[in-house]
Structure formats: C-alpha cells, structure tokens
Protein backbone atom coordinates (compact mmCIF):
# COMPACT_ATOMS: atom_id res chain seq x y z
CA MET A 1 109.97 78.95 16.81
CA ARG A 2 108.07 82.01 18.09
CA ASP A 3 105.15 80.15 19.94
CA HIS A 4 106.30 79.29 23.52
CA ASN A 5 103.08 78.16 24.62
CA ALA A 6 102.64 75.29 21.55
CA CYS A 7 106.18 74.29 22.74
CA ARG A 8 105.46 74.22 26.32
CA GLN A 9 102.60 72.08 25.66
CA PHE A 10 104.79 69.78 23.49
CA ILE A 11 107.23 69.36 26.23
CA ASP A 12 104.81 68.69 28.83
CA GLN A 13 103.70 66.00 26.88
CA GLN A 14 107.12 64.64 26.47
CA ILE A 15 107.54 64.94 29.94
CA THR A 16 104.39 62.97 30.89
CA GLU A 17 105.09 60.32 28.21
CA HIS A 18 108.43 59.39 29.38
CA GLY A 19 107.50 59.50 33.28
CA LEU A 20 109.41 62.53 34.15
CA SER A 21 109.03 64.79 36.92
CA LYS A 22 108.90 68.72 36.42
CA VAL A 23 109.65 70.72 39.17
CA GLY A 24 109.95 74.40 37.88
CA GLU A 25 109.89 75.91 34.57
CA VAL A 26 110.62 79.26 32.88
CA TYR A 27 109.47 80.33 29.61
CA HIS A 28 110.28 83.74 28.03
CA SER A 29 109.65 85.47 24.69
CA PHE A 30 111.52 87.88 22.97
CA ASP A 31 109.37 90.98 21.34
CA GLY A 32 109.34 90.06 17.63
CA ALA A 33 111.82 87.28 17.86
CA GLY A 34 112.06 83.59 19.68
CA PHE A 35 111.71 82.63 23.18
CA THR A 36 113.87 80.94 25.63
CA ALA A 37 112.67 78.11 28.01
CA THR A 38 114.28 76.23 30.97
CA ILE A 39 112.34 73.44 32.59
CA CYS A 40 113.64 71.67 35.77
CA LEU A 41 113.03 68.04 36.49
CA THR A 42 113.86 65.94 39.45
CA GLU A 43 116.10 64.10 36.87
CA SER A 44 117.83 67.10 36.04
CA HIS A 45 116.74 69.83 33.04
CA ILE A 46 115.80 70.69 29.47
CA SER A 47 116.52 73.85 28.07
CA ILE A 48 115.37 75.59 24.61
CA HIS A 49 116.53 78.76 22.74
CA THR A 50 115.14 79.70 19.71
CA TRP A 51 116.26 82.38 16.79
CA PRO A 52 113.65 82.51 14.36
CA GLU A 53 115.28 85.24 12.22
CA PHE A 54 117.90 82.69 11.70
CA GLY A 55 116.17 79.52 11.59
CA LYS A 56 118.28 78.32 14.78
CA VAL A 57 117.44 76.28 17.91
CA THR A 58 119.27 75.10 20.50
CA PHE A 59 118.32 72.48 22.74
CA ASP A 60 119.54 70.62 25.58
CA VAL A 61 118.28 67.61 27.63
CA PHE A 62 120.14 66.45 30.46
CA LEU A 63 118.73 63.38 32.47
CA SER A 64 120.67 61.98 35.35
CA ASN A 65 121.57 58.05 35.50
CA PHE A 66 121.72 58.16 39.18
CA LYS A 67 118.94 56.10 39.91
CA LYS A 68 118.15 54.39 36.56
CA ASN A 69 119.69 54.54 32.98
CA ASN A 70 118.06 57.39 31.31
CA ASN A 71 119.87 57.32 28.14
CA ASP A 72 116.93 55.93 25.74
CA ILE A 73 114.42 58.66 27.16
CA THR A 74 117.08 61.10 26.65
CA GLU A 75 117.59 60.10 22.88
CA ALA A 76 113.53 59.89 22.47
CA ILE A 77 113.22 63.45 23.80
CA PHE A 78 115.85 64.64 21.37
CA GLU A 79 114.31 62.95 18.55
CA ALA A 80 111.09 64.52 19.17
CA VAL A 81 112.19 67.96 19.81
CA LYS A 82 114.09 67.43 16.21
CA GLN A 83 110.93 66.27 14.63
CA TYR A 84 108.74 69.20 16.30
CA PHE A 85 111.05 71.87 14.92
CA GLU A 86 111.63 70.16 11.94
CA ALA A 87 115.24 70.51 12.46
CA THR A 88 118.29 69.59 10.82
CA VAL A 89 121.18 68.81 13.48
CA ILE A 90 124.07 70.77 13.09
CA VAL A 91 126.12 69.74 16.09
CA LYS A 92 124.97 66.75 18.62
CA ASN A 93 127.11 66.23 21.86
CA THR A 94 126.36 63.25 23.92
CA ILE A 95 127.56 62.82 27.42
CA SER A 96 126.57 59.81 29.26
CA ARG A 97 126.21 60.64 33.22
C-alpha cells in the first residue's frame, strides 16, 4: 500500500494483458503514508488511493463500452487488484456504461 512503483508495474501488466491503451498516468506518494494514482486510458481510466495507516484502499476502473463490451475486462481487473492488495471488499458499485 506504500509502494507505488510495484503497483505501477502491476497495473501496467493488467493494461497490457487486457489489451488496453494507456495515454497518461500520475502517481504521487505521500511522505510516510500511501499513494494516489490515476491512469488515463483511451477506454477511460483507473484510479487508486491507499491509506496504509488505516488498511484502506479505494479503486476505480472505468472502461467505456462504446466500441466493444468491456464488462468482463473491468471485472477481471477488479478481481486482480483485489488479490494484489489482499483486500476485503466493503463496498462495490457497478455501473454499466
């Protein structure tokens, strides 16, 4: 939850594995705490915010269904991130777009 470089490698792997296209990214580490990241994709975006001092992570993956249905990819990335952080889901919202 503190190592944004490891998370960046993991997210890049997910993007490549699922055939998505990254157009930009910003990662920012907070001194002695977690990090925040936003990855812009041609398909939309992924964002991650960590609070290791509270054992909390928020994660959003938004993929447009304009050219093709990306629902399965969205769910696969969600599950991979959940495993990466060894997270227990407290709230999950799904919006089909």
